[in-house]
Amino acid sequence: MNTVELTQRIEASLDGIRPYLEADGGNVKIHELTSDNTLKLEFVGACGSCPMSSMTFKAGVEEAIKKAVPEILKIEVINLTPISR
């Protein structure tokens, strides 16, 4: 499968969760899809600085992508806010 097709499937999976992110003033965008099927995402808007972004990534974004596009081997968020303890 080529990069264009994978990107389209990733975008379709993200479209399913974007309304929830947008409701809180945020969003997610594809930063890069590498040749080894590593997906790099960027949280934007409120999601870029939200202390809950790690949980949003794991419970929502990552799950949606893995379910829809199992070819993606690794998912990273380039600006993920770490959980404060």
PDB file of N, CA and C in Angstrom:
ATOM      1  N   MET A   1       0.856  -1.181   0.000  1.00  0.00           N
ATOM      2  CA  MET A   1       0.000   0.000   0.000  1.00  0.00           C
ATOM      3  C   MET A   1       0.895   1.235   0.000  1.00  0.00           C
ATOM      4  N   ASN A   2       0.530   2.224  -0.780  1.00  0.00           N
ATOM      5  CA  ASN A   2       1.383   3.400  -0.868  1.00  0.00           C
ATOM      6  C   ASN A   2       1.051   4.437   0.210  1.00  0.00           C
ATOM      7  N   THR A   3       1.919   5.407   0.315  1.00  0.00           N
ATOM      8  CA  THR A   3       1.801   6.429   1.363  1.00  0.00           C
ATOM      9  C   THR A   3       0.514   7.229   1.236  1.00  0.00           C
ATOM     10  N   VAL A   4       0.108   7.531   0.019  1.00  0.00           N
ATOM     11  CA  VAL A   4      -1.119   8.316  -0.188  1.00  0.00           C
ATOM     12  C   VAL A   4      -2.330   7.563   0.355  1.00  0.00           C
ATOM     13  N   GLU A   5      -2.418   6.270   0.043  1.00  0.00           N
ATOM     14  CA  GLU A   5      -3.540   5.466   0.526  1.00  0.00           C
ATOM     15  C   GLU A   5      -3.529   5.352   2.048  1.00  0.00           C
ATOM     16  N   LEU A   6      -2.349   5.130   2.623  1.00  0.00           N
ATOM     17  CA  LEU A   6      -2.250   5.054   4.084  1.00  0.00           C
ATOM     18  C   LEU A   6      -2.653   6.366   4.720  1.00  0.00           C
ATOM     19  N   THR A   7      -2.182   7.468   4.153  1.00  0.00           N
ATOM     20  CA  THR A   7      -2.518   8.788   4.692  1.00  0.00           C
ATOM     21  C   THR A   7      -4.020   9.033   4.634  1.00  0.00           C
ATOM     22  N   GLN A   8      -4.653   8.630   3.555  1.00  0.00           N
ATOM     23  CA  GLN A   8      -6.109   8.797   3.433  1.00  0.00           C
ATOM     24  C   GLN A   8      -6.840   7.991   4.499  1.00  0.00           C
ATOM     25  N   ARG A   9      -6.379   6.787   4.758  1.00  0.00           N
ATOM     26  CA  ARG A   9      -7.014   5.955   5.784  1.00  0.00           C
ATOM     27  C   ARG A   9      -6.771   6.517   7.183  1.00  0.00           C
ATOM     28  N   ILE A  10      -5.582   7.056   7.408  1.00  0.00           N
ATOM     29  CA  ILE A  10      -5.293   7.683   8.700  1.00  0.00           C
ATOM     30  C   ILE A  10      -6.196   8.898   8.903  1.00  0.00           C
ATOM     31  N   GLU A  11      -6.301   9.739   7.882  1.00  0.00           N
ATOM     32  CA  GLU A  11      -7.161  10.929   7.976  1.00  0.00           C
ATOM     33  C   GLU A  11      -8.611  10.529   8.243  1.00  0.00           C
ATOM     34  N   ALA A  12      -9.068   9.473   7.598  1.00  0.00           N
ATOM     35  CA  ALA A  12     -10.443   9.011   7.818  1.00  0.00           C
ATOM     36  C   ALA A  12     -10.628   8.561   9.266  1.00  0.00           C
ATOM     37  N   SER A  13      -9.635   7.881   9.836  1.00  0.00           N
ATOM     38  CA  SER A  13      -9.747   7.456  11.235  1.00  0.00           C
ATOM     39  C   SER A  13      -9.730   8.667  12.172  1.00  0.00           C
ATOM     40  N   LEU A  14      -8.910   9.658  11.842  1.00  0.00           N
ATOM     41  CA  LEU A  14      -8.858  10.870  12.666  1.00  0.00           C
ATOM     42  C   LEU A  14     -10.155  11.673  12.563  1.00  0.00           C
ATOM     43  N   ASP A  15     -10.788  11.635  11.398  1.00  0.00           N
ATOM     44  CA  ASP A  15     -12.053  12.362  11.233  1.00  0.00           C
ATOM     45  C   ASP A  15     -13.125  11.870  12.198  1.00  0.00           C
ATOM     46  N   GLY A  16     -13.018  10.612  12.625  1.00  0.00           N
ATOM     47  CA  GLY A  16     -13.982  10.068  13.578  1.00  0.00           C
ATOM     48  C   GLY A  16     -13.846  10.634  14.979  1.00  0.00           C
ATOM     49  N   ILE A  17     -12.659  11.095  15.326  1.00  0.00           N
ATOM     50  CA  ILE A  17     -12.459  11.644  16.677  1.00  0.00           C
ATOM     51  C   ILE A  17     -12.259  13.151  16.686  1.00  0.00           C
ATOM     52  N   ARG A  18     -12.077  13.752  15.528  1.00  0.00           N
ATOM     53  CA  ARG A  18     -11.857  15.199  15.468  1.00  0.00           C
ATOM     54  C   ARG A  18     -12.982  16.019  16.096  1.00  0.00           C
ATOM     55  N   PRO A  19     -14.243  15.649  15.931  1.00  0.00           N
ATOM     56  CA  PRO A  19     -15.294  16.458  16.551  1.00  0.00           C
ATOM     57  C   PRO A  19     -15.110  16.614  18.066  1.00  0.00           C
ATOM     58  N   TYR A  20     -14.601  15.584  18.715  1.00  0.00           N
ATOM     59  CA  TYR A  20     -14.379  15.644  20.161  1.00  0.00           C
ATOM     60  C   TYR A  20     -13.218  16.572  20.496  1.00  0.00           C
ATOM     61  N   LEU A  21     -12.170  16.506  19.696  1.00  0.00           N
ATOM     62  CA  LEU A  21     -11.027  17.390  19.904  1.00  0.00           C
ATOM     63  C   LEU A  21     -11.411  18.838  19.625  1.00  0.00           C
ATOM     64  N   GLU A  22     -12.152  19.040  18.536  1.00  0.00           N
ATOM     65  CA  GLU A  22     -12.567  20.386  18.147  1.00  0.00           C
ATOM     66  C   GLU A  22     -13.514  21.005  19.169  1.00  0.00           C
ATOM     67  N   ALA A  23     -14.312  20.180  19.819  1.00  0.00           N
ATOM     68  CA  ALA A  23     -15.237  20.684  20.838  1.00  0.00           C
ATOM     69  C   ALA A  23     -14.487  21.334  21.997  1.00  0.00           C
ATOM     70  N   ASP A  24     -13.248  20.896  22.210  1.00  0.00           N
ATOM     71  CA  ASP A  24     -12.424  21.467  23.272  1.00  0.00           C
ATOM     72  C   ASP A  24     -11.395  22.453  22.728  1.00  0.00           C
ATOM     73  N   GLY A  25     -11.546  22.844  21.470  1.00  0.00           N
ATOM     74  CA  GLY A  25     -10.664  23.849  20.888  1.00  0.00           C
ATOM     75  C   GLY A  25      -9.352  23.305  20.339  1.00  0.00           C
ATOM     76  N   GLY A  26      -9.293  22.006  20.067  1.00  0.00           N
ATOM     77  CA  GLY A  26      -8.054  21.417  19.569  1.00  0.00           C
ATOM     78  C   GLY A  26      -8.254  20.622  18.306  1.00  0.00           C
ATOM     79  N   ASN A  27      -7.180  19.962  17.903  1.00  0.00           N
ATOM     80  CA  ASN A  27      -7.225  19.098  16.732  1.00  0.00           C
ATOM     81  C   ASN A  27      -5.915  18.316  16.672  1.00  0.00           C
ATOM     82  N   VAL A  28      -5.796  17.471  15.680  1.00  0.00           N
ATOM     83  CA  VAL A  28      -4.581  16.697  15.461  1.00  0.00           C
ATOM     84  C   VAL A  28      -4.310  16.694  13.971  1.00  0.00           C
ATOM     85  N   LYS A  29      -3.019  16.756  13.616  1.00  0.00           N
ATOM     86  CA  LYS A  29      -2.674  16.700  12.201  1.00  0.00           C
ATOM     87  C   LYS A  29      -1.483  15.779  12.000  1.00  0.00           C
ATOM     88  N   ILE A  30      -1.413  15.222  10.806  1.00  0.00           N
ATOM     89  CA  ILE A  30      -0.293  14.364  10.452  1.00  0.00           C
ATOM     90  C   ILE A  30       0.922  15.248  10.206  1.00  0.00           C
ATOM     91  N   HIS A  31       2.004  14.939  10.897  1.00  0.00           N
ATOM     92  CA  HIS A  31       3.254  15.665  10.710  1.00  0.00           C
ATOM     93  C   HIS A  31       4.126  14.932   9.687  1.00  0.00           C
ATOM     94  N   GLU A  32       4.183  13.597   9.820  1.00  0.00           N
ATOM     95  CA  GLU A  32       5.019  12.810   8.915  1.00  0.00           C
ATOM     96  C   GLU A  32       4.612  11.340   8.982  1.00  0.00           C
ATOM     97  N   LEU A  33       4.698  10.682   7.856  1.00  0.00           N
ATOM     98  CA  LEU A  33       4.558   9.234   7.780  1.00  0.00           C
ATOM     99  C   LEU A  33       5.852   8.723   7.176  1.00  0.00           C
ATOM    100  N   THR A  34       6.649   8.022   7.977  1.00  0.00           N
ATOM    101  CA  THR A  34       7.975   7.600   7.532  1.00  0.00           C
ATOM    102  C   THR A  34       7.904   6.330   6.684  1.00  0.00           C
ATOM    103  N   SER A  35       9.010   6.005   6.050  1.00  0.00           N
ATOM    104  CA  SER A  35       9.068   4.830   5.182  1.00  0.00           C
ATOM    105  C   SER A  35       8.934   3.521   5.959  1.00  0.00           C
ATOM    106  N   ASP A  36       9.215   3.550   7.276  1.00  0.00           N
ATOM    107  CA  ASP A  36       9.050   2.344   8.092  1.00  0.00           C
ATOM    108  C   ASP A  36       7.692   2.302   8.796  1.00  0.00           C
ATOM    109  N   ASN A  37       6.727   3.079   8.275  1.00  0.00           N
ATOM    110  CA  ASN A  37       5.353   3.137   8.783  1.00  0.00           C
ATOM    111  C   ASN A  37       5.261   3.626  10.227  1.00  0.00           C
ATOM    112  N   THR A  38       6.115   4.580  10.556  1.00  0.00           N
ATOM    113  CA  THR A  38       5.980   5.315  11.811  1.00  0.00           C
ATOM    114  C   THR A  38       5.209   6.585  11.495  1.00  0.00           C
ATOM    115  N   LEU A  39       4.155   6.818  12.249  1.00  0.00           N
ATOM    116  CA  LEU A  39       3.320   7.993  12.063  1.00  0.00           C
ATOM    117  C   LEU A  39       3.662   9.019  13.128  1.00  0.00           C
ATOM    118  N   LYS A  40       3.963  10.234  12.694  1.00  0.00           N
ATOM    119  CA  LYS A  40       4.242  11.328  13.621  1.00  0.00           C
ATOM    120  C   LYS A  40       3.107  12.327  13.504  1.00  0.00           C
ATOM    121  N   LEU A  41       2.466  12.583  14.635  1.00  0.00           N
ATOM    122  CA  LEU A  41       1.327  13.483  14.698  1.00  0.00           C
ATOM    123  C   LEU A  41       1.693  14.738  15.465  1.00  0.00           C
ATOM    124  N   GLU A  42       0.877  15.772  15.277  1.00  0.00           N
ATOM    125  CA  GLU A  42       1.026  16.998  16.054  1.00  0.00           C
ATOM    126  C   GLU A  42      -0.343  17.395  16.588  1.00  0.00           C
ATOM    127  N   PHE A  43      -0.421  17.601  17.887  1.00  0.00           N
ATOM    128  CA  PHE A  43      -1.636  18.156  18.470  1.00  0.00           C
ATOM    129  C   PHE A  43      -1.600  19.663  18.271  1.00  0.00           C
ATOM    130  N   VAL A  44      -2.716  20.242  17.859  1.00  0.00           N
ATOM    131  CA  VAL A  44      -2.782  21.682  17.615  1.00  0.00           C
ATOM    132  C   VAL A  44      -3.904  22.300  18.431  1.00  0.00           C
ATOM    133  N   GLY A  45      -3.882  23.613  18.519  1.00  0.00           N
ATOM    134  CA  GLY A  45      -4.887  24.327  19.304  1.00  0.00           C
ATOM    135  C   GLY A  45      -4.750  23.966  20.770  1.00  0.00           C
ATOM    136  N   ALA A  46      -5.864  23.842  21.439  1.00  0.00           N
ATOM    137  CA  ALA A  46      -5.872  23.539  22.872  1.00  0.00           C
ATOM    138  C   ALA A  46      -5.221  22.199  23.177  1.00  0.00           C
ATOM    139  N   CYS A  47      -5.273  21.259  22.242  1.00  0.00           N
ATOM    140  CA  CYS A  47      -4.670  19.936  22.471  1.00  0.00           C
ATOM    141  C   CYS A  47      -3.155  20.010  22.567  1.00  0.00           C
ATOM    142  N   GLY A  48      -2.562  21.018  21.949  1.00  0.00           N
ATOM    143  CA  GLY A  48      -1.116  21.157  21.960  1.00  0.00           C
ATOM    144  C   GLY A  48      -0.541  21.484  23.322  1.00  0.00           C
ATOM    145  N   SER A  49      -1.365  22.055  24.194  1.00  0.00           N
ATOM    146  CA  SER A  49      -0.865  22.446  25.516  1.00  0.00           C
ATOM    147  C   SER A  49      -1.676  21.843  26.664  1.00  0.00           C
ATOM    148  N   CYS A  50      -2.574  20.961  26.353  1.00  0.00           N
ATOM    149  CA  CYS A  50      -3.453  20.382  27.375  1.00  0.00           C
ATOM    150  C   CYS A  50      -2.712  19.335  28.203  1.00  0.00           C
ATOM    151  N   PRO A  51      -2.841  19.401  29.520  1.00  0.00           N
ATOM    152  CA  PRO A  51      -2.189  18.401  30.361  1.00  0.00           C
ATOM    153  C   PRO A  51      -2.797  16.996  30.211  1.00  0.00           C
ATOM    154  N   MET A  52      -3.960  16.899  29.605  1.00  0.00           N
ATOM    155  CA  MET A  52      -4.604  15.598  29.398  1.00  0.00           C
ATOM    156  C   MET A  52      -4.294  15.015  28.017  1.00  0.00           C
ATOM    157  N   SER A  53      -3.435  15.663  27.253  1.00  0.00           N
ATOM    158  CA  SER A  53      -3.183  15.222  25.883  1.00  0.00           C
ATOM    159  C   SER A  53      -2.598  13.809  25.808  1.00  0.00           C
ATOM    160  N   SER A  54      -1.828  13.401  26.810  1.00  0.00           N
ATOM    161  CA  SER A  54      -1.298  12.028  26.814  1.00  0.00           C
ATOM    162  C   SER A  54      -2.419  11.011  26.879  1.00  0.00           C
ATOM    163  N   MET A  55      -3.397  11.273  27.711  1.00  0.00           N
ATOM    164  CA  MET A  55      -4.536  10.360  27.826  1.00  0.00           C
ATOM    165  C   MET A  55      -5.390  10.401  26.565  1.00  0.00           C
ATOM    166  N   THR A  56      -5.581  11.585  26.010  1.00  0.00           N
ATOM    167  CA  THR A  56      -6.342  11.712  24.766  1.00  0.00           C
ATOM    168  C   THR A  56      -5.671  10.919  23.666  1.00  0.00           C
ATOM    169  N   PHE A  57      -4.355  11.001  23.614  1.00  0.00           N
ATOM    170  CA  PHE A  57      -3.614  10.260  22.594  1.00  0.00           C
ATOM    171  C   PHE A  57      -3.802   8.756  22.752  1.00  0.00           C
ATOM    172  N   LYS A  58      -3.546   8.243  23.947  1.00  0.00           N
ATOM    173  CA  LYS A  58      -3.610   6.797  24.183  1.00  0.00           C
ATOM    174  C   LYS A  58      -5.024   6.249  24.025  1.00  0.00           C
ATOM    175  N   ALA A  59      -5.986   6.910  24.639  1.00  0.00           N
ATOM    176  CA  ALA A  59      -7.350   6.377  24.684  1.00  0.00           C
ATOM    177  C   ALA A  59      -8.164   6.672  23.426  1.00  0.00           C
ATOM    178  N   GLY A  60      -7.803   7.706  22.701  1.00  0.00           N
ATOM    179  CA  GLY A  60      -8.613   8.079  21.548  1.00  0.00           C
ATOM    180  C   GLY A  60      -7.885   7.990  20.230  1.00  0.00           C
ATOM    181  N   VAL A  61      -6.898   8.821  20.069  1.00  0.00           N
ATOM    182  CA  VAL A  61      -6.218   8.958  18.788  1.00  0.00           C
ATOM    183  C   VAL A  61      -5.487   7.668  18.394  1.00  0.00           C
ATOM    184  N   GLU A  62      -4.645   7.164  19.274  1.00  0.00           N
ATOM    185  CA  GLU A  62      -3.870   5.971  18.960  1.00  0.00           C
ATOM    186  C   GLU A  62      -4.773   4.773  18.676  1.00  0.00           C
ATOM    187  N   GLU A  63      -5.787   4.576  19.497  1.00  0.00           N
ATOM    188  CA  GLU A  63      -6.709   3.452  19.311  1.00  0.00           C
ATOM    189  C   GLU A  63      -7.434   3.535  17.975  1.00  0.00           C
ATOM    190  N   ALA A  64      -7.898   4.732  17.618  1.00  0.00           N
ATOM    191  CA  ALA A  64      -8.625   4.902  16.355  1.00  0.00           C
ATOM    192  C   ALA A  64      -7.741   4.566  15.163  1.00  0.00           C
ATOM    193  N   ILE A  65      -6.494   5.019  15.209  1.00  0.00           N
ATOM    194  CA  ILE A  65      -5.586   4.762  14.088  1.00  0.00           C
ATOM    195  C   ILE A  65      -5.213   3.286  14.020  1.00  0.00           C
ATOM    196  N   LYS A  66      -4.849   2.689  15.136  1.00  0.00           N
ATOM    197  CA  LYS A  66      -4.450   1.277  15.135  1.00  0.00           C
ATOM    198  C   LYS A  66      -5.574   0.369  14.650  1.00  0.00           C
ATOM    199  N   LYS A  67      -6.792   0.724  14.998  1.00  0.00           N
ATOM    200  CA  LYS A  67      -7.946  -0.076  14.593  1.00  0.00           C
ATOM    201  C   LYS A  67      -8.185   0.031  13.078  1.00  0.00           C
ATOM    202  N   ALA A  68      -8.066   1.238  12.551  1.00  0.00           N
ATOM    203  CA  ALA A  68      -8.378   1.474  11.140  1.00  0.00           C
ATOM    204  C   ALA A  68      -7.201   1.212  10.204  1.00  0.00           C
ATOM    205  N   VAL A  69      -5.973   1.376  10.713  1.00  0.00           N
ATOM    206  CA  VAL A  69      -4.792   1.271   9.862  1.00  0.00           C
ATOM    207  C   VAL A  69      -3.729   0.424  10.573  1.00  0.00           C
ATOM    208  N   PRO A  70      -3.926  -0.884  10.622  1.00  0.00           N
ATOM    209  CA  PRO A  70      -2.985  -1.736  11.356  1.00  0.00           C
ATOM    210  C   PRO A  70      -1.575  -1.768  10.761  1.00  0.00           C
ATOM    211  N   GLU A  71      -1.414  -1.275   9.547  1.00  0.00           N
ATOM    212  CA  GLU A  71      -0.085  -1.221   8.934  1.00  0.00           C
ATOM    213  C   GLU A  71       0.852  -0.243   9.655  1.00  0.00           C
ATOM    214  N   ILE A  72       0.272   0.709  10.389  1.00  0.00           N
ATOM    215  CA  ILE A  72       1.086   1.682  11.125  1.00  0.00           C
ATOM    216  C   ILE A  72       1.713   0.952  12.313  1.00  0.00           C
ATOM    217  N   LEU A  73       3.036   0.945  12.349  1.00  0.00           N
ATOM    218  CA  LEU A  73       3.752   0.180  13.361  1.00  0.00           C
ATOM    219  C   LEU A  73       4.023   0.970  14.633  1.00  0.00           C
ATOM    220  N   LYS A  74       4.145   2.282  14.507  1.00  0.00           N
ATOM    221  CA  LYS A  74       4.458   3.119  15.659  1.00  0.00           C
ATOM    222  C   LYS A  74       3.811   4.482  15.458  1.00  0.00           C
ATOM    223  N   ILE A  75       3.294   5.046  16.563  1.00  0.00           N
ATOM    224  CA  ILE A  75       2.673   6.365  16.503  1.00  0.00           C
ATOM    225  C   ILE A  75       3.316   7.240  17.568  1.00  0.00           C
ATOM    226  N   GLU A  76       3.766   8.417  17.150  1.00  0.00           N
ATOM    227  CA  GLU A  76       4.373   9.379  18.062  1.00  0.00           C
ATOM    228  C   GLU A  76       3.674  10.722  17.901  1.00  0.00           C
ATOM    229  N   VAL A  77       3.614  11.459  18.990  1.00  0.00           N
ATOM    230  CA  VAL A  77       3.121  12.838  18.924  1.00  0.00           C
ATOM    231  C   VAL A  77       4.325  13.722  19.208  1.00  0.00           C
ATOM    232  N   ILE A  78       4.642  14.608  18.277  1.00  0.00           N
ATOM    233  CA  ILE A  78       5.878  15.379  18.393  1.00  0.00           C
ATOM    234  C   ILE A  78       5.820  16.445  19.485  1.00  0.00           C
ATOM    235  N   ASN A  79       4.618  16.815  19.910  1.00  0.00           N
ATOM    236  CA  ASN A  79       4.499  17.853  20.934  1.00  0.00           C
ATOM    237  C   ASN A  79       3.613  17.412  22.092  1.00  0.00           C
ATOM    238  N   LEU A  80       3.715  16.162  22.457  1.00  0.00           N
ATOM    239  CA  LEU A  80       2.881  15.613  23.523  1.00  0.00           C
ATOM    240  C   LEU A  80       3.234  16.221  24.865  1.00  0.00           C
ATOM    241  N   THR A  81       2.219  16.689  25.584  1.00  0.00           N
ATOM    242  CA  THR A  81       2.413  17.253  26.909  1.00  0.00           C
ATOM    243  C   THR A  81       2.463  16.104  27.908  1.00  0.00           C
ATOM    244  N   PRO A  82       3.571  15.974  28.645  1.00  0.00           N
ATOM    245  CA  PRO A  82       3.649  14.882  29.626  1.00  0.00           C
ATOM    246  C   PRO A  82       2.660  15.082  30.770  1.00  0.00           C
ATOM    247  N   ILE A  83       2.228  13.974  31.351  1.00  0.00           N
ATOM    248  CA  ILE A  83       1.300  14.035  32.474  1.00  0.00           C
ATOM    249  C   ILE A  83       2.060  14.490  33.719  1.00  0.00           C
ATOM    250  N   SER A  84       1.531  15.515  34.375  1.00  0.00           N
ATOM    251  CA  SER A  84       2.157  16.022  35.597  1.00  0.00           C
ATOM    252  C   SER A  84       1.719  15.175  36.772  1.00  0.00           C
ATOM    253  N   ARG A  85       2.640  14.936  37.685  1.00  0.00           N
ATOM    254  CA  ARG A  85       2.305  14.140  38.875  1.00  0.00           C
ATOM    255  C   ARG A  85       2.609  14.916  40.111  1.00  0.00           C
TER     256      ARG A  85
END
